[in-house]
């Protein structure tokens, strides 16, 4: 079986990062280690690596050299440096004082990679719209401080983190209970949320689960701050939607920096989303939902397919068709489904990742283009979107119970030399009807 390394590790020896490499390999994040800058640059030229981890003992300027060598891919760099020197290197996306737990590292690696892909995607979208005479004017990022929700019972270390966030220029809103946390989340806009994992993790997990069921709160990055060394399944936490988990022995100022990095990326993604929303008046997007029209989607899919080949990244397409099961056929005949479809399309646009592109191919068929995503992961993403929309009840008329919407889903990954049109056709052909 072919092995496809994802992570470049640059270190003079295995003393510091060796255990992390072994742990990442065990989690499926296959690593390749380089002992010098020359070996690292050669690896980038030969392999489609997605991210780099560098040892603080490596020569200065290594992160910049890696960025240049990886072009046209944007290569995120995670630095591990106990001296703190890498913290001031602008080419290092995130600096940590000690090697993290492999599962914890996997959370941050995934986030850094998706952030890099989102930046690449924004450039492609600007080109797609520019080819049709429309300029995507990006709104200025809000000049207000980053706003962080800190949810949990007051504790000495949690208060220390609160103060560290304020020192980093954040506005921190404290919520002692899940109830007050959700009150704040519905009343105000936040760039990140940090949840205190006290002796009982149930309140934090309750907040996380509730946010992942809400289309408006779905993408706000969540950080769990552990209070002790008790055994915990970090893989399960990742599945619940946490973007990072800070161990109990992590210094408060480092945890604060990691939260700030997540918050800044989230705000940047919100700018990208607002930029696309501003294109609705261009006449190029679907009037009812703001999603890409079939023609615009076809043009953009061709562009991102070419970019995927140049960057040696995978690309998948999903098709979501409103199912006829569960009485939806009657709702369609009577027109109630048609009234709900604009809202459904708007929900799709909020639930996709920033780097994904959603289109309305027909009245009740939607398509997603997911860059840097294999077919299996793409189907999982589409199923999650369908599951969240499936929690929403839509009006079925006076005196009748509301109805819910399910989807038939198909997914396909682009093969070597495959055309974008063929890729979309294969995804459509793979749609499997939902059992009634």
Protein backbone atom coordinates (compact mmCIF):
# COMPACT_ATOMS: atom_id res chain seq x y z
CA UNK A 1 0.00 0.00 0.00
CA UNK A 2 1.35 3.45 -0.90
CA UNK A 3 2.26 5.71 2.01
CA UNK A 4 1.54 9.44 1.62
CA UNK A 5 3.33 11.57 4.24
CA UNK A 6 1.38 14.62 5.35
CA UNK A 7 3.70 16.23 7.91
CA UNK A 8 7.28 17.41 7.41
CA UNK A 9 9.26 17.37 10.65
CA UNK A 10 12.59 19.22 10.68
CA UNK A 11 14.78 18.40 13.66
CA UNK A 12 18.49 17.67 14.21
CA UNK A 13 17.60 14.50 16.17
CA UNK A 14 14.64 12.62 17.65
CA UNK A 15 15.21 13.71 21.24
CA UNK A 16 12.41 16.29 21.34
CA UNK A 17 10.04 15.52 18.47
CA UNK A 18 10.53 11.76 18.07
CA UNK A 19 7.67 10.74 20.42
CA UNK A 20 5.38 13.28 18.74
CA UNK A 21 6.18 11.80 15.32
CA UNK A 22 5.43 8.29 16.56
CA UNK A 23 2.12 9.44 18.02
CA UNK A 24 1.09 11.31 14.86
CA UNK A 25 2.00 8.29 12.72
CA UNK A 26 -0.21 6.13 14.94
CA UNK A 27 -3.10 8.56 14.38
CA UNK A 28 -2.69 8.43 10.61
CA UNK A 29 -0.75 11.70 10.26
CA UNK A 30 2.19 10.11 8.47
CA UNK A 31 5.39 12.07 9.10
CA UNK A 32 8.68 12.39 7.24
CA UNK A 33 11.69 13.73 9.14
CA UNK A 34 14.46 15.89 7.70
CA UNK A 35 17.70 16.57 9.60
CA UNK A 36 18.71 19.67 7.68
CA UNK A 37 17.27 22.55 5.69
CA UNK A 38 18.55 21.00 2.44
CA UNK A 39 16.79 17.70 3.18
CA UNK A 40 13.61 19.54 4.15
CA UNK A 41 13.51 21.52 0.90
CA UNK A 42 14.11 18.33 -1.10
CA UNK A 43 11.23 16.61 0.68
CA UNK A 44 8.90 19.50 -0.15
CA UNK A 45 9.83 19.20 -3.81
CA UNK A 46 9.20 15.46 -3.92
CA UNK A 47 6.17 15.01 -1.64
CA UNK A 48 2.75 16.72 -1.33
CA UNK A 49 3.30 17.63 2.33
CA UNK A 50 0.59 19.67 4.04
CA UNK A 51 2.29 21.16 7.09
CA UNK A 52 5.70 21.47 8.75
CA UNK A 53 6.80 21.11 12.37
CA UNK A 54 10.21 22.58 13.12
CA UNK A 55 12.46 22.14 16.14
CA UNK A 56 13.55 25.41 17.74
CA UNK A 57 17.17 24.31 17.42
CA UNK A 58 16.99 24.58 13.61
CA UNK A 59 18.73 27.53 11.89
CA UNK A 60 16.88 30.89 11.83
CA UNK A 61 14.91 31.62 8.68
CA UNK A 62 13.97 27.99 8.09
CA UNK A 63 10.22 28.67 8.24
CA UNK A 64 10.49 31.33 5.53
CA UNK A 65 12.52 29.00 3.31
CA UNK A 66 9.90 26.28 3.70
CA UNK A 67 7.11 28.68 2.74
CA UNK A 68 8.92 29.64 -0.45
CA UNK A 69 9.79 26.06 -1.40
CA UNK A 70 6.19 24.85 -0.99
CA UNK A 71 4.62 27.35 -3.43
CA UNK A 72 1.98 27.40 -4.88
CA UNK A 73 0.78 25.53 -1.78
CA UNK A 74 0.61 27.57 1.40
CA UNK A 75 2.51 25.56 4.00
CA UNK A 76 1.58 26.22 7.65
CA UNK A 77 4.48 25.94 10.12
CA UNK A 78 4.22 24.81 13.75
CA UNK A 79 7.29 25.59 15.84
CA UNK A 80 8.31 23.81 19.05
CA UNK A 81 10.78 25.97 20.94
CA UNK A 82 11.31 26.17 24.68
CA UNK A 83 13.27 29.44 24.37
CA UNK A 84 10.32 31.33 22.88
CA UNK A 85 12.35 32.64 19.93
CA UNK A 86 10.04 31.15 17.27
CA UNK A 87 7.12 33.03 18.81
CA UNK A 88 8.46 36.19 17.13
CA UNK A 89 9.04 34.63 13.70
CA UNK A 90 6.25 35.90 11.38
CA UNK A 91 6.65 32.81 9.18
CA UNK A 92 5.70 30.52 12.09
CA UNK A 93 1.93 30.14 12.30
CA UNK A 94 1.92 28.73 15.83
CA UNK A 95 4.73 28.36 18.39
CA UNK A 96 4.57 25.99 21.35
CA UNK A 97 7.03 25.72 24.24
CA UNK A 98 6.92 21.91 24.41
CA UNK A 99 5.83 19.06 22.12
CA UNK A 100 2.06 18.60 22.50
CA UNK A 101 0.24 15.31 22.96
CA UNK A 102 -0.17 13.72 19.50
CA UNK A 103 -3.98 13.90 19.61
CA UNK A 104 -3.78 17.52 20.73
CA UNK A 105 -1.29 18.28 17.95
CA UNK A 106 -3.61 16.65 15.42
CA UNK A 107 -6.34 19.13 16.37
CA UNK A 108 -4.12 22.11 15.72
CA UNK A 109 -2.53 20.67 12.58
CA UNK A 110 -5.97 20.17 11.04
CA UNK A 111 -6.99 23.70 11.91
CA UNK A 112 -3.78 25.24 10.53
CA UNK A 113 -4.10 23.27 7.29
CA UNK A 114 -7.73 24.27 6.76
CA UNK A 115 -6.85 27.93 7.42
CA UNK A 116 -4.13 27.78 4.77
CA UNK A 117 -6.47 26.15 2.26
CA UNK A 118 -9.11 28.82 2.94
CA UNK A 119 -6.59 31.54 2.01
CA UNK A 120 -5.76 29.69 -1.21
CA UNK A 121 -9.46 29.32 -2.00
CA UNK A 122 -10.17 33.00 -1.49
CA UNK A 123 -7.61 33.86 -4.17
CA UNK A 124 -9.29 31.43 -6.58
CA UNK A 125 -12.75 32.85 -5.90
CA UNK A 126 -11.53 36.36 -6.55
CA UNK A 127 -10.22 35.17 -9.93
CA UNK A 128 -13.50 33.41 -10.77
CA UNK A 129 -15.56 36.51 -10.10
CA UNK A 130 -13.03 38.82 -11.77
CA UNK A 131 -13.31 36.74 -14.97
CA UNK A 132 -17.01 37.70 -14.96
CA UNK A 133 -16.42 41.38 -14.38
CA UNK A 134 -17.13 41.38 -10.64
CA UNK A 135 -14.64 42.42 -8.02
CA UNK A 136 -14.90 40.80 -4.60
CA UNK A 137 -14.18 43.68 -2.27
CA UNK A 138 -13.10 42.31 1.09
CA UNK A 139 -14.48 44.30 4.02
CA UNK A 140 -11.96 45.53 6.53
CA UNK A 141 -11.61 43.27 9.53
CA UNK A 142 -13.29 44.75 12.55
CA UNK A 143 -10.92 46.94 14.51
CA UNK A 144 -12.61 45.97 17.74
CA UNK A 145 -10.74 43.60 20.07
CA UNK A 146 -11.16 39.87 19.61
CA UNK A 147 -14.06 38.71 21.76
CA UNK A 148 -13.65 35.45 23.68
CA UNK A 149 -16.29 33.66 25.72
CA UNK A 150 -14.82 32.02 28.84
CA UNK A 151 -17.32 29.50 30.16
CA UNK A 152 -16.88 27.68 33.44
CA UNK A 153 -16.84 27.98 37.19
CA UNK A 154 -14.23 30.50 38.43
CA UNK A 155 -10.92 28.87 39.36
CA UNK A 156 -7.46 30.27 40.06
CA UNK A 157 -5.94 28.93 36.82
CA UNK A 158 -8.99 29.80 34.76
CA UNK A 159 -8.85 33.35 36.10
CA UNK A 160 -5.14 33.47 35.23
CA UNK A 161 -6.03 32.52 31.64
CA UNK A 162 -8.73 35.20 31.68
CA UNK A 163 -6.09 37.79 32.63
CA UNK A 164 -3.64 36.48 29.99
CA UNK A 165 -6.27 36.88 27.28
CA UNK A 166 -6.95 40.45 28.37
CA UNK A 167 -3.20 41.12 28.31
CA UNK A 168 -3.19 39.91 24.68
CA UNK A 169 -5.83 42.52 23.83
CA UNK A 170 -8.95 40.35 23.96
CA UNK A 171 -12.32 41.26 25.36
CA UNK A 172 -13.30 38.36 27.62
CA UNK A 173 -16.88 37.62 28.63
CA UNK A 174 -17.24 35.20 31.55
CA UNK A 175 -20.13 32.73 31.74
CA UNK A 176 -20.25 30.59 34.91
CA UNK A 177 -22.88 28.11 33.63
CA UNK A 178 -23.95 26.59 30.28
CA UNK A 179 -27.20 28.56 30.52
CA UNK A 180 -25.46 31.93 30.75
CA UNK A 181 -23.00 30.82 28.06
CA UNK A 182 -25.79 30.21 25.56
CA UNK A 183 -27.46 33.48 26.55
CA UNK A 184 -24.27 35.34 25.65
CA UNK A 185 -23.73 33.31 22.47
CA UNK A 186 -27.18 34.25 21.19
CA UNK A 187 -26.83 37.90 22.19
CA UNK A 188 -23.29 38.71 21.05
CA UNK A 189 -20.72 37.76 18.40
CA UNK A 190 -17.66 35.86 19.58
CA UNK A 191 -14.41 34.94 17.84
CA UNK A 192 -13.62 31.96 20.10
CA UNK A 193 -14.83 30.19 23.20
CA UNK A 194 -12.70 28.60 25.91
CA UNK A 195 -14.43 26.07 28.13
CA UNK A 196 -13.13 25.11 31.55
CA UNK A 197 -12.74 21.35 31.91
CA UNK A 198 -13.11 21.07 35.68
CA UNK A 199 -13.56 17.85 37.61
CA UNK A 200 -16.73 17.27 35.59
CA UNK A 201 -16.37 17.80 31.82
CA UNK A 202 -20.11 17.48 31.25
CA UNK A 203 -20.88 21.27 31.26
CA UNK A 204 -18.14 21.97 28.70
CA UNK A 205 -19.22 19.10 26.48
CA UNK A 206 -22.84 20.23 26.75
CA UNK A 207 -21.91 23.69 25.48
CA UNK A 208 -19.82 22.20 22.66
CA UNK A 209 -22.62 19.87 21.56
CA UNK A 210 -25.17 22.67 21.60
CA UNK A 211 -22.97 24.96 19.52
CA UNK A 212 -22.39 22.23 16.91
CA UNK A 213 -26.16 21.87 16.47
CA UNK A 214 -26.57 25.58 15.71
CA UNK A 215 -25.80 26.83 12.21
CA UNK A 216 -24.76 30.30 13.44
CA UNK A 217 -22.43 29.00 16.16
CA UNK A 218 -21.16 25.93 14.32
CA UNK A 219 -17.76 27.29 13.25
CA UNK A 220 -16.78 29.29 16.36
CA UNK A 221 -13.50 27.66 17.52
CA UNK A 222 -13.79 25.88 20.86
CA UNK A 223 -10.88 25.32 23.24
CA UNK A 224 -11.09 22.98 26.22
CA UNK A 225 -8.80 23.96 29.10
CA UNK A 226 -8.13 20.88 31.21
CA UNK A 227 -7.88 21.25 34.98
CA UNK A 228 -6.02 18.03 35.78
CA UNK A 229 -4.10 15.08 34.41
CA UNK A 230 -7.00 12.62 34.44
CA UNK A 231 -7.19 10.31 31.44
CA UNK A 232 -9.37 11.73 28.70
CA UNK A 233 -10.12 10.58 25.18
CA UNK A 234 -8.83 13.44 23.05
CA UNK A 235 -10.10 11.73 19.93
CA UNK A 236 -13.62 11.89 21.35
CA UNK A 237 -13.17 15.58 22.13
CA UNK A 238 -12.11 16.20 18.55
CA UNK A 239 -15.26 14.45 17.41
CA UNK A 240 -17.29 16.79 19.58
CA UNK A 241 -15.88 19.74 17.69
CA UNK A 242 -13.09 21.15 19.88
CA UNK A 243 -10.43 23.00 17.90
CA UNK A 244 -7.80 22.69 20.62
CA UNK A 245 -7.29 21.12 24.03
CA UNK A 246 -4.87 22.74 26.48
CA UNK A 247 -3.29 20.36 28.98
CA UNK A 248 -3.26 21.21 32.67
CA UNK A 249 0.48 21.96 32.69
CA UNK A 250 0.33 24.37 29.73
CA UNK A 251 1.31 27.92 30.80
CA UNK A 252 -1.63 30.30 30.74
CA UNK A 253 0.13 32.76 28.42
CA UNK A 254 0.76 30.02 25.84
CA UNK A 255 -2.85 28.84 26.02
CA UNK A 256 -3.93 32.45 25.55
CA UNK A 257 -1.75 32.79 22.43
CA UNK A 258 -3.25 29.64 20.96
CA UNK A 259 -6.77 30.92 21.60
CA UNK A 260 -5.88 34.27 20.01
CA UNK A 261 -4.52 32.48 16.92
CA UNK A 262 -7.78 30.55 16.55
CA UNK A 263 -9.85 33.68 17.07
CA UNK A 264 -7.92 35.66 14.46
CA UNK A 265 -8.32 32.89 11.91
CA UNK A 266 -12.04 32.67 12.61
CA UNK A 267 -12.45 36.43 12.17
CA UNK A 268 -10.52 36.22 8.90
CA UNK A 269 -12.86 33.46 7.73
CA UNK A 270 -15.85 35.62 8.63
CA UNK A 271 -14.40 38.36 6.42
CA UNK A 272 -14.16 35.87 3.56
CA UNK A 273 -17.76 34.77 4.09
CA UNK A 274 -18.98 38.38 4.15
CA UNK A 275 -17.01 39.02 0.97
CA UNK A 276 -18.91 36.26 -0.80
CA UNK A 277 -22.20 37.45 0.63
CA UNK A 278 -21.44 40.83 -0.90
CA UNK A 279 -21.36 39.16 -4.32
CA UNK A 280 -25.08 38.40 -4.15
CA UNK A 281 -25.89 41.73 -5.78
CA UNK A 282 -23.66 40.86 -8.73
CA UNK A 283 -26.35 38.68 -10.31
CA UNK A 284 -23.91 35.76 -10.53
CA UNK A 285 -25.25 33.85 -7.52
CA UNK A 286 -28.62 32.22 -6.89
CA UNK A 287 -31.01 34.98 -5.87
CA UNK A 288 -32.91 32.97 -3.25
CA UNK A 289 -29.98 31.34 -1.41
CA UNK A 290 -26.83 33.28 -2.33
CA UNK A 291 -25.22 30.00 -3.44
CA UNK A 292 -23.32 29.60 -6.70
CA UNK A 293 -25.45 29.06 -9.79
CA UNK A 294 -24.73 26.01 -11.99
CA UNK A 295 -22.78 28.13 -14.49
CA UNK A 296 -20.70 29.89 -11.82
CA UNK A 297 -20.07 26.60 -10.02
CA UNK A 298 -18.89 24.92 -13.24
CA UNK A 299 -16.46 27.75 -13.92
CA UNK A 300 -15.12 27.76 -10.38
CA UNK A 301 -14.88 23.97 -10.23
CA UNK A 302 -12.66 24.08 -13.31
CA UNK A 303 -10.42 26.63 -11.60
CA UNK A 304 -10.07 24.76 -8.32
CA UNK A 305 -9.52 21.45 -10.16
CA UNK A 306 -6.56 23.00 -11.97
CA UNK A 307 -5.26 24.43 -8.68
CA UNK A 308 -5.64 21.06 -6.95
CA UNK A 309 -3.48 19.43 -9.60
CA UNK A 310 -0.84 22.18 -9.36
CA UNK A 311 -0.75 21.94 -5.56
CA UNK A 312 -0.97 18.16 -5.51
CA UNK A 313 -4.01 18.25 -3.27
CA UNK A 314 -7.13 16.05 -3.51
CA UNK A 315 -10.49 17.51 -4.55
CA UNK A 316 -13.94 16.03 -3.97
CA UNK A 317 -17.47 16.94 -5.00
CA UNK A 318 -20.65 16.06 -3.11
CA UNK A 319 -24.22 16.21 -4.38
CA UNK A 320 -27.09 16.59 -1.90
CA UNK A 321 -30.58 15.93 -3.24
CA UNK A 322 -33.64 16.51 -1.08
CA UNK A 323 -35.06 13.06 -0.41
CA UNK A 324 -38.61 12.02 -1.17
CA UNK A 325 -38.77 9.87 1.95
CA UNK A 326 -40.86 10.68 5.03
CA UNK A 327 -43.69 12.52 3.32
CA UNK A 328 -41.45 15.03 1.54
CA UNK A 329 -43.00 14.14 -1.81
CA UNK A 330 -46.33 15.50 -0.57
CA UNK A 331 -44.64 18.62 0.81
CA UNK A 332 -43.06 19.14 -2.58
CA UNK A 333 -46.38 18.71 -4.43
CA UNK A 334 -48.15 21.16 -2.14
CA UNK A 335 -45.41 23.76 -2.42
CA UNK A 336 -44.29 23.77 1.21
CA UNK A 337 -40.88 22.35 0.38
CA UNK A 338 -40.38 25.06 -2.23
CA UNK A 339 -41.02 27.70 0.42
CA UNK A 340 -38.42 26.09 2.68
CA UNK A 341 -35.70 25.62 0.08
CA UNK A 342 -34.28 29.18 0.27
CA UNK A 343 -33.83 28.72 4.01
CA UNK A 344 -32.30 25.29 3.45
CA UNK A 345 -29.85 26.73 0.93
CA UNK A 346 -28.91 29.50 3.34
CA UNK A 347 -28.26 26.88 6.02
CA UNK A 348 -26.01 24.97 3.64
CA UNK A 349 -23.98 28.14 3.02
CA UNK A 350 -23.46 28.63 6.76
CA UNK A 351 -22.56 25.01 7.50
CA UNK A 352 -19.87 24.48 4.88
CA UNK A 353 -16.27 25.23 5.76
CA UNK A 354 -14.88 28.54 4.57
CA UNK A 355 -12.81 26.85 1.86
CA UNK A 356 -15.74 24.83 0.48
CA UNK A 357 -17.99 26.05 -2.34
CA UNK A 358 -21.73 25.35 -2.37
CA UNK A 359 -24.04 25.62 -5.38
CA UNK A 360 -27.73 25.21 -6.11
CA UNK A 361 -27.85 23.03 -9.21
CA UNK A 362 -31.67 22.88 -9.36
CA UNK A 363 -34.58 23.66 -7.08
CA UNK A 364 -33.82 20.81 -4.65
CA UNK A 365 -30.29 19.68 -5.59
CA UNK A 366 -27.16 21.18 -4.06
CA UNK A 367 -23.48 20.55 -4.81
CA UNK A 368 -20.36 21.05 -2.74
CA UNK A 369 -16.77 21.36 -3.94
CA UNK A 370 -14.38 20.44 -1.13
CA UNK A 371 -10.70 21.24 -1.80
CA UNK A 372 -7.96 19.16 -0.15
CA UNK A 373 -10.56 16.56 0.84
CA UNK A 374 -10.84 12.87 -0.07
CA UNK A 375 -14.12 11.20 -0.98
CA UNK A 376 -14.66 9.59 2.43
CA UNK A 377 -14.09 12.82 4.36
CA UNK A 378 -16.25 14.70 1.85
CA UNK A 379 -19.18 12.35 2.39
CA UNK A 380 -18.80 12.70 6.16
CA UNK A 381 -18.87 16.50 5.81
CA UNK A 382 -22.01 16.32 3.67
CA UNK A 383 -23.67 13.95 6.14
CA UNK A 384 -22.94 16.32 9.01
CA UNK A 385 -24.52 19.20 7.09
CA UNK A 386 -27.57 17.06 6.36
CA UNK A 387 -27.80 16.02 10.01
CA UNK A 388 -27.81 19.62 11.27
CA UNK A 389 -30.45 20.66 8.72
CA UNK A 390 -32.43 17.57 9.71
CA UNK A 391 -32.82 19.05 13.19
CA UNK A 392 -34.83 21.97 11.78
CA UNK A 393 -38.63 21.85 11.46
CA UNK A 394 -40.24 23.63 8.51
CA UNK A 395 -43.78 24.98 8.20
CA UNK A 396 -46.30 22.60 6.59
CA UNK A 397 -49.32 24.88 6.78
CA UNK A 398 -52.05 25.72 9.31
CA UNK A 399 -53.10 22.88 11.57
CA UNK A 400 -50.37 20.53 10.38
CA UNK A 401 -47.21 19.31 12.06
CA UNK A 402 -43.95 20.80 10.73
CA UNK A 403 -41.86 18.61 8.47
CA UNK A 404 -38.15 17.87 8.41
CA UNK A 405 -35.86 17.47 5.42
CA UNK A 406 -33.47 14.64 4.63
CA UNK A 407 -30.96 14.32 1.81
CA UNK A 408 -29.72 11.66 -0.59
CA UNK A 409 -25.94 12.12 -0.84
CA UNK A 410 -23.31 11.23 -3.42
CA UNK A 411 -19.56 11.91 -3.32
CA UNK A 412 -16.62 11.48 -5.70
CA UNK A 413 -12.91 12.36 -5.59
CA UNK A 414 -11.13 13.70 -8.65
CA UNK A 415 -8.95 11.15 -10.38
CA UNK A 416 -5.75 11.79 -12.37
CA UNK A 417 -6.53 13.70 -15.54
CA UNK A 418 -10.27 13.72 -14.83
CA UNK A 419 -12.29 16.68 -16.06
CA UNK A 420 -14.39 18.73 -13.61
CA UNK A 421 -17.57 17.88 -15.54
CA UNK A 422 -16.88 14.15 -15.24
CA UNK A 423 -16.16 14.53 -11.53
CA UNK A 424 -19.53 16.22 -10.99
CA UNK A 425 -21.27 13.56 -13.06
CA UNK A 426 -19.72 10.78 -10.95
CA UNK A 427 -20.80 12.48 -7.73
CA UNK A 428 -24.36 12.77 -9.09
CA UNK A 429 -24.36 9.14 -10.16
CA UNK A 430 -23.20 8.10 -6.66
CA UNK A 431 -26.28 9.59 -4.97
CA UNK A 432 -27.91 6.88 -2.88
CA UNK A 433 -31.64 7.28 -2.04
CA UNK A 434 -32.44 7.38 1.66
CA UNK A 435 -34.51 4.46 2.88
CA UNK A 436 -38.07 5.48 3.54
